[in-house]
Amino acid sequence: MNALDLLTEQHEEVDSLIQRIEASEGDAKEVLFQELADKVAAHAKIEEKIFYPAVMAKQTEEMLLESVEEHLAVKRVLADLIELDPNDDQFDAKLAVMKHQLEHHAHEEE
């Protein structure tokens, strides 16, 4: 599997998990969210430590720096979500914000 296929597959997996969280309640929602948090953190680390350095060039530098900033924004919302009860109304609002950020990021990256 090439790197782009792997990234695309991971993006789709994260999107699917978010959809499942949105449709869940109670303990199931919390379990799915923990899985999402782990996958997003691992994915960002792989991109920042392996993928981005491998494709860094003068013509990609600005885009990659923006991607790192997008990761930071997602991590901030993720940290907020970790502190919230998944049944809190604010949780769903923050999850929607994170979903939008991730969709934008994945689209640009791919």
PDB file of N, CA and C in Angstrom:
ATOM      1  N   MET A   1       0.856  -1.182   0.000  1.00  0.00           N
ATOM      2  CA  MET A   1       0.000   0.000   0.000  1.00  0.00           C
ATOM      3  C   MET A   1       0.894   1.234   0.000  1.00  0.00           C
ATOM      4  N   ASN A   2       0.570   2.181  -0.880  1.00  0.00           N
ATOM      5  CA  ASN A   2       1.374   3.393  -0.900  1.00  0.00           C
ATOM      6  C   ASN A   2       0.891   4.358   0.185  1.00  0.00           C
ATOM      7  N   ALA A   3       1.682   5.380   0.441  1.00  0.00           N
ATOM      8  CA  ALA A   3       1.413   6.304   1.543  1.00  0.00           C
ATOM      9  C   ALA A   3       0.079   7.027   1.382  1.00  0.00           C
ATOM     10  N   LEU A   4      -0.240   7.441   0.166  1.00  0.00           N
ATOM     11  CA  LEU A   4      -1.497   8.162  -0.048  1.00  0.00           C
ATOM     12  C   LEU A   4      -2.703   7.258   0.207  1.00  0.00           C
ATOM     13  N   ASP A   5      -2.605   6.010  -0.235  1.00  0.00           N
ATOM     14  CA  ASP A   5      -3.696   5.069   0.021  1.00  0.00           C
ATOM     15  C   ASP A   5      -3.883   4.851   1.518  1.00  0.00           C
ATOM     16  N   LEU A   6      -2.782   4.745   2.250  1.00  0.00           N
ATOM     17  CA  LEU A   6      -2.852   4.562   3.702  1.00  0.00           C
ATOM     18  C   LEU A   6      -3.490   5.771   4.370  1.00  0.00           C
ATOM     19  N   LEU A   7      -3.067   6.976   3.990  1.00  0.00           N
ATOM     20  CA  LEU A   7      -3.643   8.198   4.566  1.00  0.00           C
ATOM     21  C   LEU A   7      -5.132   8.293   4.256  1.00  0.00           C
ATOM     22  N   THR A   8      -5.498   8.001   3.024  1.00  0.00           N
ATOM     23  CA  THR A   8      -6.905   8.054   2.623  1.00  0.00           C
ATOM     24  C   THR A   8      -7.723   7.046   3.425  1.00  0.00           C
ATOM     25  N   GLU A   9      -7.204   5.852   3.583  1.00  0.00           N
ATOM     26  CA  GLU A   9      -7.893   4.822   4.362  1.00  0.00           C
ATOM     27  C   GLU A   9      -8.087   5.277   5.813  1.00  0.00           C
ATOM     28  N   GLN A  10      -7.050   5.875   6.397  1.00  0.00           N
ATOM     29  CA  GLN A  10      -7.157   6.355   7.769  1.00  0.00           C
ATOM     30  C   GLN A  10      -8.158   7.507   7.875  1.00  0.00           C
ATOM     31  N   HIS A  11      -8.182   8.394   6.893  1.00  0.00           N
ATOM     32  CA  HIS A  11      -9.161   9.489   6.887  1.00  0.00           C
ATOM     33  C   HIS A  11     -10.581   8.926   6.857  1.00  0.00           C
ATOM     34  N   GLU A  12     -10.804   7.923   6.025  1.00  0.00           N
ATOM     35  CA  GLU A  12     -12.129   7.308   5.921  1.00  0.00           C
ATOM     36  C   GLU A  12     -12.510   6.611   7.222  1.00  0.00           C
ATOM     37  N   GLU A  13     -11.548   5.979   7.862  1.00  0.00           N
ATOM     38  CA  GLU A  13     -11.805   5.299   9.131  1.00  0.00           C
ATOM     39  C   GLU A  13     -12.206   6.301  10.208  1.00  0.00           C
ATOM     40  N   VAL A  14     -11.519   7.433  10.274  1.00  0.00           N
ATOM     41  CA  VAL A  14     -11.846   8.476  11.245  1.00  0.00           C
ATOM     42  C   VAL A  14     -13.246   9.029  10.963  1.00  0.00           C
ATOM     43  N   ASP A  15     -13.556   9.281   9.705  1.00  0.00           N
ATOM     44  CA  ASP A  15     -14.878   9.779   9.339  1.00  0.00           C
ATOM     45  C   ASP A  15     -15.968   8.789   9.755  1.00  0.00           C
ATOM     46  N   SER A  16     -15.734   7.517   9.524  1.00  0.00           N
ATOM     47  CA  SER A  16     -16.695   6.482   9.910  1.00  0.00           C
ATOM     48  C   SER A  16     -16.887   6.448  11.428  1.00  0.00           C
ATOM     49  N   LEU A  17     -15.801   6.562  12.164  1.00  0.00           N
ATOM     50  CA  LEU A  17     -15.903   6.575  13.624  1.00  0.00           C
ATOM     51  C   LEU A  17     -16.714   7.774  14.115  1.00  0.00           C
ATOM     52  N   ILE A  18     -16.495   8.929  13.528  1.00  0.00           N
ATOM     53  CA  ILE A  18     -17.256  10.115  13.923  1.00  0.00           C
ATOM     54  C   ILE A  18     -18.741   9.894  13.666  1.00  0.00           C
ATOM     55  N   GLN A  19     -19.071   9.319  12.523  1.00  0.00           N
ATOM     56  CA  GLN A  19     -20.477   9.038  12.220  1.00  0.00           C
ATOM     57  C   GLN A  19     -21.078   8.072  13.243  1.00  0.00           C
ATOM     58  N   ARG A  20     -20.320   7.076  13.632  1.00  0.00           N
ATOM     59  CA  ARG A  20     -20.803   6.119  14.632  1.00  0.00           C
ATOM     60  C   ARG A  20     -20.982   6.788  15.994  1.00  0.00           C
ATOM     61  N   ILE A  21     -20.079   7.697  16.349  1.00  0.00           N
ATOM     62  CA  ILE A  21     -20.205   8.437  17.617  1.00  0.00           C
ATOM     63  C   ILE A  21     -21.464   9.288  17.588  1.00  0.00           C
ATOM     64  N   GLU A  22     -21.681   9.976  16.477  1.00  0.00           N
ATOM     65  CA  GLU A  22     -22.858  10.836  16.349  1.00  0.00           C
ATOM     66  C   GLU A  22     -24.158  10.047  16.516  1.00  0.00           C
ATOM     67  N   ALA A  23     -24.141   8.785  16.129  1.00  0.00           N
ATOM     68  CA  ALA A  23     -25.340   7.945  16.202  1.00  0.00           C
ATOM     69  C   ALA A  23     -25.446   7.172  17.518  1.00  0.00           C
ATOM     70  N   SER A  24     -24.454   7.301  18.386  1.00  0.00           N
ATOM     71  CA  SER A  24     -24.406   6.519  19.623  1.00  0.00           C
ATOM     72  C   SER A  24     -24.803   7.335  20.841  1.00  0.00           C
ATOM     73  N   GLU A  25     -25.025   6.615  21.917  1.00  0.00           N
ATOM     74  CA  GLU A  25     -25.331   7.229  23.205  1.00  0.00           C
ATOM     75  C   GLU A  25     -24.647   6.437  24.309  1.00  0.00           C
ATOM     76  N   GLY A  26     -24.543   7.062  25.478  1.00  0.00           N
ATOM     77  CA  GLY A  26     -24.061   6.382  26.672  1.00  0.00           C
ATOM     78  C   GLY A  26     -22.658   5.833  26.555  1.00  0.00           C
ATOM     79  N   ASP A  27     -22.488   4.626  27.112  1.00  0.00           N
ATOM     80  CA  ASP A  27     -21.170   3.994  27.168  1.00  0.00           C
ATOM     81  C   ASP A  27     -20.591   3.735  25.777  1.00  0.00           C
ATOM     82  N   ALA A  28     -21.445   3.358  24.833  1.00  0.00           N
ATOM     83  CA  ALA A  28     -20.961   3.084  23.475  1.00  0.00           C
ATOM     84  C   ALA A  28     -20.325   4.337  22.873  1.00  0.00           C
ATOM     85  N   LYS A  29     -20.932   5.479  23.115  1.00  0.00           N
ATOM     86  CA  LYS A  29     -20.408   6.743  22.602  1.00  0.00           C
ATOM     87  C   LYS A  29     -19.033   7.027  23.194  1.00  0.00           C
ATOM     88  N   GLU A  30     -18.891   6.769  24.478  1.00  0.00           N
ATOM     89  CA  GLU A  30     -17.605   7.013  25.139  1.00  0.00           C
ATOM     90  C   GLU A  30     -16.517   6.074  24.622  1.00  0.00           C
ATOM     91  N   VAL A  31     -16.852   4.808  24.441  1.00  0.00           N
ATOM     92  CA  VAL A  31     -15.879   3.832  23.930  1.00  0.00           C
ATOM     93  C   VAL A  31     -15.433   4.203  22.521  1.00  0.00           C
ATOM     94  N   LEU A  32     -16.380   4.563  21.673  1.00  0.00           N
ATOM     95  CA  LEU A  32     -16.050   4.956  20.302  1.00  0.00           C
ATOM     96  C   LEU A  32     -15.210   6.225  20.282  1.00  0.00           C
ATOM     97  N   PHE A  33     -15.530   7.163  21.169  1.00  0.00           N
ATOM     98  CA  PHE A  33     -14.747   8.396  21.221  1.00  0.00           C
ATOM     99  C   PHE A  33     -13.305   8.107  21.630  1.00  0.00           C
ATOM    100  N   GLN A  34     -13.094   7.228  22.590  1.00  0.00           N
ATOM    101  CA  GLN A  34     -11.729   6.893  23.003  1.00  0.00           C
ATOM    102  C   GLN A  34     -10.952   6.283  21.839  1.00  0.00           C
ATOM    103  N   GLU A  35     -11.624   5.448  21.054  1.00  0.00           N
ATOM    104  CA  GLU A  35     -10.987   4.870  19.866  1.00  0.00           C
ATOM    105  C   GLU A  35     -10.633   5.976  18.867  1.00  0.00           C
ATOM    106  N   LEU A  36     -11.554   6.910  18.672  1.00  0.00           N
ATOM    107  CA  LEU A  36     -11.309   8.034  17.766  1.00  0.00           C
ATOM    108  C   LEU A  36     -10.120   8.862  18.244  1.00  0.00           C
ATOM    109  N   ALA A  37     -10.086   9.194  19.521  1.00  0.00           N
ATOM    110  CA  ALA A  37      -9.001  10.013  20.071  1.00  0.00           C
ATOM    111  C   ALA A  37      -7.655   9.337  19.839  1.00  0.00           C
ATOM    112  N   ASP A  38      -7.587   8.032  20.067  1.00  0.00           N
ATOM    113  CA  ASP A  38      -6.338   7.293  19.852  1.00  0.00           C
ATOM    114  C   ASP A  38      -5.928   7.308  18.383  1.00  0.00           C
ATOM    115  N   LYS A  39      -6.889   7.087  17.496  1.00  0.00           N
ATOM    116  CA  LYS A  39      -6.585   7.040  16.061  1.00  0.00           C
ATOM    117  C   LYS A  39      -6.153   8.415  15.527  1.00  0.00           C
ATOM    118  N   VAL A  40      -6.829   9.475  15.963  1.00  0.00           N
ATOM    119  CA  VAL A  40      -6.459  10.821  15.508  1.00  0.00           C
ATOM    120  C   VAL A  40      -5.059  11.172  15.989  1.00  0.00           C
ATOM    121  N   ALA A  41      -4.751  10.862  17.246  1.00  0.00           N
ATOM    122  CA  ALA A  41      -3.421  11.167  17.788  1.00  0.00           C
ATOM    123  C   ALA A  41      -2.329  10.391  17.042  1.00  0.00           C
ATOM    124  N   ALA A  42      -2.560   9.106  16.813  1.00  0.00           N
ATOM    125  CA  ALA A  42      -1.573   8.287  16.105  1.00  0.00           C
ATOM    126  C   ALA A  42      -1.401   8.755  14.663  1.00  0.00           C
ATOM    127  N   HIS A  43      -2.504   9.069  14.009  1.00  0.00           N
ATOM    128  CA  HIS A  43      -2.457   9.516  12.618  1.00  0.00           C
ATOM    129  C   HIS A  43      -1.666  10.823  12.501  1.00  0.00           C
ATOM    130  N   ALA A  44      -1.951  11.766  13.374  1.00  0.00           N
ATOM    131  CA  ALA A  44      -1.236  13.050  13.338  1.00  0.00           C
ATOM    132  C   ALA A  44       0.253  12.847  13.573  1.00  0.00           C
ATOM    133  N   LYS A  45       0.590  11.971  14.498  1.00  0.00           N
ATOM    134  CA  LYS A  45       2.003  11.725  14.791  1.00  0.00           C
ATOM    135  C   LYS A  45       2.713  11.122  13.580  1.00  0.00           C
ATOM    136  N   ILE A  46       2.065  10.164  12.926  1.00  0.00           N
ATOM    137  CA  ILE A  46       2.651   9.540  11.734  1.00  0.00           C
ATOM    138  C   ILE A  46       2.866  10.589  10.643  1.00  0.00           C
ATOM    139  N   GLU A  47       1.863  11.433  10.428  1.00  0.00           N
ATOM    140  CA  GLU A  47       1.999  12.465   9.400  1.00  0.00           C
ATOM    141  C   GLU A  47       3.143  13.421   9.731  1.00  0.00           C
ATOM    142  N   GLU A  48       3.182  13.884  10.976  1.00  0.00           N
ATOM    143  CA  GLU A  48       4.171  14.895  11.361  1.00  0.00           C
ATOM    144  C   GLU A  48       5.595  14.351  11.409  1.00  0.00           C
ATOM    145  N   LYS A  49       5.754  13.098  11.806  1.00  0.00           N
ATOM    146  CA  LYS A  49       7.101  12.536  11.977  1.00  0.00           C
ATOM    147  C   LYS A  49       7.626  11.816  10.738  1.00  0.00           C
ATOM    148  N   ILE A  50       6.724  11.290   9.894  1.00  0.00           N
ATOM    149  CA  ILE A  50       7.177  10.483   8.754  1.00  0.00           C
ATOM    150  C   ILE A  50       6.754  11.091   7.414  1.00  0.00           C
ATOM    151  N   PHE A  51       5.443  11.274   7.243  1.00  0.00           N
ATOM    152  CA  PHE A  51       4.929  11.685   5.943  1.00  0.00           C
ATOM    153  C   PHE A  51       5.361  13.104   5.560  1.00  0.00           C
ATOM    154  N   TYR A  52       5.141  14.074   6.428  1.00  0.00           N
ATOM    155  CA  TYR A  52       5.471  15.458   6.083  1.00  0.00           C
ATOM    156  C   TYR A  52       6.961  15.647   5.797  1.00  0.00           C
ATOM    157  N   PRO A  53       7.856  15.131   6.643  1.00  0.00           N
ATOM    158  CA  PRO A  53       9.282  15.288   6.310  1.00  0.00           C
ATOM    159  C   PRO A  53       9.656  14.633   4.972  1.00  0.00           C
ATOM    160  N   ALA A  54       8.970  13.534   4.638  1.00  0.00           N
ATOM    161  CA  ALA A  54       9.287  12.827   3.398  1.00  0.00           C
ATOM    162  C   ALA A  54       8.868  13.615   2.156  1.00  0.00           C
ATOM    163  N   VAL A  55       7.851  14.464   2.278  1.00  0.00           N
ATOM    164  CA  VAL A  55       7.377  15.201   1.104  1.00  0.00           C
ATOM    165  C   VAL A  55       7.719  16.697   1.187  1.00  0.00           C
ATOM    166  N   MET A  56       8.530  17.064   2.157  1.00  0.00           N
ATOM    167  CA  MET A  56       8.911  18.468   2.330  1.00  0.00           C
ATOM    168  C   MET A  56       9.784  18.915   1.162  1.00  0.00           C
ATOM    169  N   ALA A  57       9.352  19.957   0.520  1.00  0.00           N
ATOM    170  CA  ALA A  57      10.104  20.587  -0.572  1.00  0.00           C
ATOM    171  C   ALA A  57       9.689  22.051  -0.596  1.00  0.00           C
ATOM    172  N   LYS A  58      10.396  22.832  -1.320  1.00  0.00           N
ATOM    173  CA  LYS A  58      10.089  24.271  -1.374  1.00  0.00           C
ATOM    174  C   LYS A  58       8.623  24.509  -1.767  1.00  0.00           C
ATOM    175  N   GLN A  59       8.115  23.739  -2.730  1.00  0.00           N
ATOM    176  CA  GLN A  59       6.750  23.955  -3.207  1.00  0.00           C
ATOM    177  C   GLN A  59       5.685  23.393  -2.259  1.00  0.00           C
ATOM    178  N   THR A  60       6.049  22.553  -1.297  1.00  0.00           N
ATOM    179  CA  THR A  60       5.063  21.996  -0.359  1.00  0.00           C
ATOM    180  C   THR A  60       5.200  22.555   1.055  1.00  0.00           C
ATOM    181  N   GLU A  61       6.248  23.324   1.306  1.00  0.00           N
ATOM    182  CA  GLU A  61       6.540  23.782   2.669  1.00  0.00           C
ATOM    183  C   GLU A  61       5.378  24.550   3.302  1.00  0.00           C
ATOM    184  N   GLU A  62       4.819  25.507   2.595  1.00  0.00           N
ATOM    185  CA  GLU A  62       3.726  26.318   3.164  1.00  0.00           C
ATOM    186  C   GLU A  62       2.511  25.449   3.506  1.00  0.00           C
ATOM    187  N   MET A  63       2.161  24.541   2.607  1.00  0.00           N
ATOM    188  CA  MET A  63       1.021  23.665   2.836  1.00  0.00           C
ATOM    189  C   MET A  63       1.262  22.746   4.031  1.00  0.00           C
ATOM    190  N   LEU A  64       2.473  22.236   4.162  1.00  0.00           N
ATOM    191  CA  LEU A  64       2.786  21.340   5.274  1.00  0.00           C
ATOM    192  C   LEU A  64       2.797  22.084   6.608  1.00  0.00           C
ATOM    193  N   LEU A  65       3.284  23.313   6.610  1.00  0.00           N
ATOM    194  CA  LEU A  65       3.241  24.113   7.841  1.00  0.00           C
ATOM    195  C   LEU A  65       1.789  24.383   8.245  1.00  0.00           C
ATOM    196  N   GLU A  66       0.938  24.657   7.266  1.00  0.00           N
ATOM    197  CA  GLU A  66      -0.487  24.842   7.551  1.00  0.00           C
ATOM    198  C   GLU A  66      -1.103  23.551   8.087  1.00  0.00           C
ATOM    199  N   SER A  67      -0.699  22.429   7.544  1.00  0.00           N
ATOM    200  CA  SER A  67      -1.219  21.141   8.012  1.00  0.00           C
ATOM    201  C   SER A  67      -0.862  20.886   9.469  1.00  0.00           C
ATOM    202  N   VAL A  68       0.343  21.247   9.859  1.00  0.00           N
ATOM    203  CA  VAL A  68       0.748  21.091  11.264  1.00  0.00           C
ATOM    204  C   VAL A  68      -0.121  21.978  12.149  1.00  0.00           C
ATOM    205  N   GLU A  69      -0.410  23.183  11.705  1.00  0.00           N
ATOM    206  CA  GLU A  69      -1.284  24.080  12.472  1.00  0.00           C
ATOM    207  C   GLU A  69      -2.697  23.515  12.570  1.00  0.00           C
ATOM    208  N   GLU A  70      -3.167  22.893  11.498  1.00  0.00           N
ATOM    209  CA  GLU A  70      -4.484  22.248  11.537  1.00  0.00           C
ATOM    210  C   GLU A  70      -4.487  21.112  12.548  1.00  0.00           C
ATOM    211  N   HIS A  71      -3.397  20.370  12.611  1.00  0.00           N
ATOM    212  CA  HIS A  71      -3.284  19.312  13.624  1.00  0.00           C
ATOM    213  C   HIS A  71      -3.388  19.894  15.021  1.00  0.00           C
ATOM    214  N   LEU A  72      -2.711  21.002  15.254  1.00  0.00           N
ATOM    215  CA  LEU A  72      -2.760  21.634  16.574  1.00  0.00           C
ATOM    216  C   LEU A  72      -4.183  22.045  16.934  1.00  0.00           C
ATOM    217  N   ALA A  73      -4.915  22.591  15.975  1.00  0.00           N
ATOM    218  CA  ALA A  73      -6.299  22.995  16.225  1.00  0.00           C
ATOM    219  C   ALA A  73      -7.164  21.786  16.566  1.00  0.00           C
ATOM    220  N   VAL A  74      -6.985  20.693  15.828  1.00  0.00           N
ATOM    221  CA  VAL A  74      -7.741  19.470  16.102  1.00  0.00           C
ATOM    222  C   VAL A  74      -7.376  18.929  17.479  1.00  0.00           C
ATOM    223  N   LYS A  75      -6.099  18.952  17.815  1.00  0.00           N
ATOM    224  CA  LYS A  75      -5.668  18.451  19.124  1.00  0.00           C
ATOM    225  C   LYS A  75      -6.263  19.271  20.266  1.00  0.00           C
ATOM    226  N   ARG A  76      -6.428  20.578  20.056  1.00  0.00           N
ATOM    227  CA  ARG A  76      -7.035  21.432  21.089  1.00  0.00           C
ATOM    228  C   ARG A  76      -8.496  21.045  21.316  1.00  0.00           C
ATOM    229  N   VAL A  77      -9.231  20.847  20.228  1.00  0.00           N
ATOM    230  CA  VAL A  77     -10.635  20.444  20.360  1.00  0.00           C
ATOM    231  C   VAL A  77     -10.714  19.043  20.963  1.00  0.00           C
ATOM    232  N   LEU A  78      -9.811  18.173  20.551  1.00  0.00           N
ATOM    233  CA  LEU A  78      -9.774  16.817  21.095  1.00  0.00           C
ATOM    234  C   LEU A  78      -9.530  16.848  22.603  1.00  0.00           C
ATOM    235  N   ALA A  79      -8.625  17.697  23.048  1.00  0.00           N
ATOM    236  CA  ALA A  79      -8.359  17.832  24.492  1.00  0.00           C
ATOM    237  C   ALA A  79      -9.605  18.316  25.223  1.00  0.00           C
ATOM    238  N   ASP A  80     -10.330  19.250  24.633  1.00  0.00           N
ATOM    239  CA  ASP A  80     -11.589  19.714  25.237  1.00  0.00           C
ATOM    240  C   ASP A  80     -12.590  18.568  25.325  1.00  0.00           C
ATOM    241  N   LEU A  81     -12.690  17.790  24.262  1.00  0.00           N
ATOM    242  CA  LEU A  81     -13.639  16.681  24.227  1.00  0.00           C
ATOM    243  C   LEU A  81     -13.308  15.625  25.290  1.00  0.00           C
ATOM    244  N   ILE A  82     -12.030  15.374  25.497  1.00  0.00           N
ATOM    245  CA  ILE A  82     -11.613  14.382  26.493  1.00  0.00           C
ATOM    246  C   ILE A  82     -12.095  14.783  27.882  1.00  0.00           C
ATOM    247  N   GLU A  83     -12.159  16.084  28.136  1.00  0.00           N
ATOM    248  CA  GLU A  83     -12.584  16.590  29.443  1.00  0.00           C
ATOM    249  C   GLU A  83     -14.106  16.574  29.632  1.00  0.00           C
ATOM    250  N   LEU A  84     -14.850  16.406  28.558  1.00  0.00           N
ATOM    251  CA  LEU A  84     -16.311  16.454  28.630  1.00  0.00           C
ATOM    252  C   LEU A  84     -16.923  15.070  28.738  1.00  0.00           C
ATOM    253  N   ASP A  85     -18.082  15.006  29.353  1.00  0.00           N
ATOM    254  CA  ASP A  85     -18.894  13.793  29.339  1.00  0.00           C
ATOM    255  C   ASP A  85     -19.491  13.683  27.935  1.00  0.00           C
ATOM    256  N   PRO A  86     -19.384  12.529  27.286  1.00  0.00           N
ATOM    257  CA  PRO A  86     -19.925  12.387  25.931  1.00  0.00           C
ATOM    258  C   PRO A  86     -21.424  12.659  25.819  1.00  0.00           C
ATOM    259  N   ASN A  87     -22.139  12.651  26.938  1.00  0.00           N
ATOM    260  CA  ASN A  87     -23.572  12.926  26.912  1.00  0.00           C
ATOM    261  C   ASN A  87     -23.886  14.409  27.098  1.00  0.00           C
ATOM    262  N   ASP A  88     -22.863  15.226  27.303  1.00  0.00           N
ATOM    263  CA  ASP A  88     -23.020  16.665  27.442  1.00  0.00           C
ATOM    264  C   ASP A  88     -23.326  17.257  26.065  1.00  0.00           C
ATOM    265  N   ASP A  89     -24.280  18.190  25.990  1.00  0.00           N
ATOM    266  CA  ASP A  89     -24.623  18.822  24.709  1.00  0.00           C
ATOM    267  C   ASP A  89     -23.423  19.510  24.074  1.00  0.00           C
ATOM    268  N   GLN A  90     -22.545  20.052  24.891  1.00  0.00           N
ATOM    269  CA  GLN A  90     -21.350  20.727  24.378  1.00  0.00           C
ATOM    270  C   GLN A  90     -20.434  19.732  23.659  1.00  0.00           C
ATOM    271  N   PHE A  91     -20.451  18.473  24.086  1.00  0.00           N
ATOM    272  CA  PHE A  91     -19.636  17.442  23.451  1.00  0.00           C
ATOM    273  C   PHE A  91     -19.998  17.334  21.969  1.00  0.00           C
ATOM    274  N   ASP A  92     -21.291  17.250  21.679  1.00  0.00           N
ATOM    275  CA  ASP A  92     -21.726  17.107  20.283  1.00  0.00           C
ATOM    276  C   ASP A  92     -21.333  18.322  19.449  1.00  0.00           C
ATOM    277  N   ALA A  93     -21.424  19.508  20.039  1.00  0.00           N
ATOM    278  CA  ALA A  93     -21.040  20.723  19.321  1.00  0.00           C
ATOM    279  C   ALA A  93     -19.548  20.712  19.007  1.00  0.00           C
ATOM    280  N   LYS A  94     -18.729  20.344  19.983  1.00  0.00           N
ATOM    281  CA  LYS A  94     -17.277  20.295  19.758  1.00  0.00           C
ATOM    282  C   LYS A  94     -16.915  19.187  18.770  1.00  0.00           C
ATOM    283  N   LEU A  95     -17.617  18.066  18.843  1.00  0.00           N
ATOM    284  CA  LEU A  95     -17.365  16.985  17.895  1.00  0.00           C
ATOM    285  C   LEU A  95     -17.668  17.452  16.470  1.00  0.00           C
ATOM    286  N   ALA A  96     -18.727  18.233  16.303  1.00  0.00           N
ATOM    287  CA  ALA A  96     -19.068  18.760  14.976  1.00  0.00           C
ATOM    288  C   ALA A  96     -17.971  19.693  14.461  1.00  0.00           C
ATOM    289  N   VAL A  97     -17.406  20.506  15.348  1.00  0.00           N
ATOM    290  CA  VAL A  97     -16.307  21.392  14.965  1.00  0.00           C
ATOM    291  C   VAL A  97     -15.091  20.570  14.542  1.00  0.00           C
ATOM    292  N   MET A  98     -14.761  19.556  15.333  1.00  0.00           N
ATOM    293  CA  MET A  98     -13.611  18.714  15.009  1.00  0.00           C
ATOM    294  C   MET A  98     -13.838  17.978  13.693  1.00  0.00           C
ATOM    295  N   LYS A  99     -15.058  17.500  13.476  1.00  0.00           N
ATOM    296  CA  LYS A  99     -15.385  16.806  12.227  1.00  0.00           C
ATOM    297  C   LYS A  99     -15.136  17.732  11.032  1.00  0.00           C
ATOM    298  N   HIS A 100     -15.600  18.954  11.139  1.00  0.00           N
ATOM    299  CA  HIS A 100     -15.403  19.931  10.058  1.00  0.00           C
ATOM    300  C   HIS A 100     -13.906  20.183   9.826  1.00  0.00           C
ATOM    301  N   GLN A 101     -13.153  20.351  10.902  1.00  0.00           N
ATOM    302  CA  GLN A 101     -11.710  20.587  10.772  1.00  0.00           C
ATOM    303  C   GLN A 101     -11.024  19.399  10.097  1.00  0.00           C
ATOM    304  N   LEU A 102     -11.402  18.187  10.503  1.00  0.00           N
ATOM    305  CA  LEU A 102     -10.778  16.991   9.940  1.00  0.00           C
ATOM    306  C   LEU A 102     -11.142  16.811   8.460  1.00  0.00           C
ATOM    307  N   GLU A 103     -12.391  17.097   8.107  1.00  0.00           N
ATOM    308  CA  GLU A 103     -12.798  16.980   6.706  1.00  0.00           C
ATOM    309  C   GLU A 103     -12.006  17.952   5.831  1.00  0.00           C
ATOM    310  N   HIS A 104     -11.877  19.182   6.301  1.00  0.00           N
ATOM    311  CA  HIS A 104     -11.108  20.192   5.568  1.00  0.00           C
ATOM    312  C   HIS A 104      -9.651  19.743   5.421  1.00  0.00           C
ATOM    313  N   HIS A 105      -9.078  19.300   6.518  1.00  0.00           N
ATOM    314  CA  HIS A 105      -7.686  18.875   6.529  1.00  0.00           C
ATOM    315  C   HIS A 105      -7.469  17.697   5.572  1.00  0.00           C
ATOM    316  N   ALA A 106      -8.324  16.691   5.658  1.00  0.00           N
ATOM    317  CA  ALA A 106      -8.173  15.505   4.818  1.00  0.00           C
ATOM    318  C   ALA A 106      -8.313  15.862   3.337  1.00  0.00           C
ATOM    319  N   HIS A 107      -9.262  16.724   3.021  1.00  0.00           N
ATOM    320  CA  HIS A 107      -9.457  17.133   1.629  1.00  0.00           C
ATOM    321  C   HIS A 107      -8.216  17.814   1.074  1.00  0.00           C
ATOM    322  N   GLU A 108      -7.675  18.755   1.830  1.00  0.00           N
ATOM    323  CA  GLU A 108      -6.467  19.458   1.375  1.00  0.00           C
ATOM    324  C   GLU A 108      -5.278  18.509   1.254  1.00  0.00           C
ATOM    325  N   GLU A 109      -5.141  17.653   2.225  1.00  0.00           N
ATOM    326  CA  GLU A 109      -4.001  16.747   2.267  1.00  0.00           C
ATOM    327  C   GLU A 109      -4.025  15.752   1.106  1.00  0.00           C
ATOM    328  N   GLU A 110      -5.186  15.205   0.853  1.00  0.00           N
ATOM    329  CA  GLU A 110      -5.298  14.223  -0.227  1.00  0.00           C
ATOM    330  C   GLU A 110      -5.109  14.894  -1.570  1.00  0.00           C
TER     331      GLU A 110
END
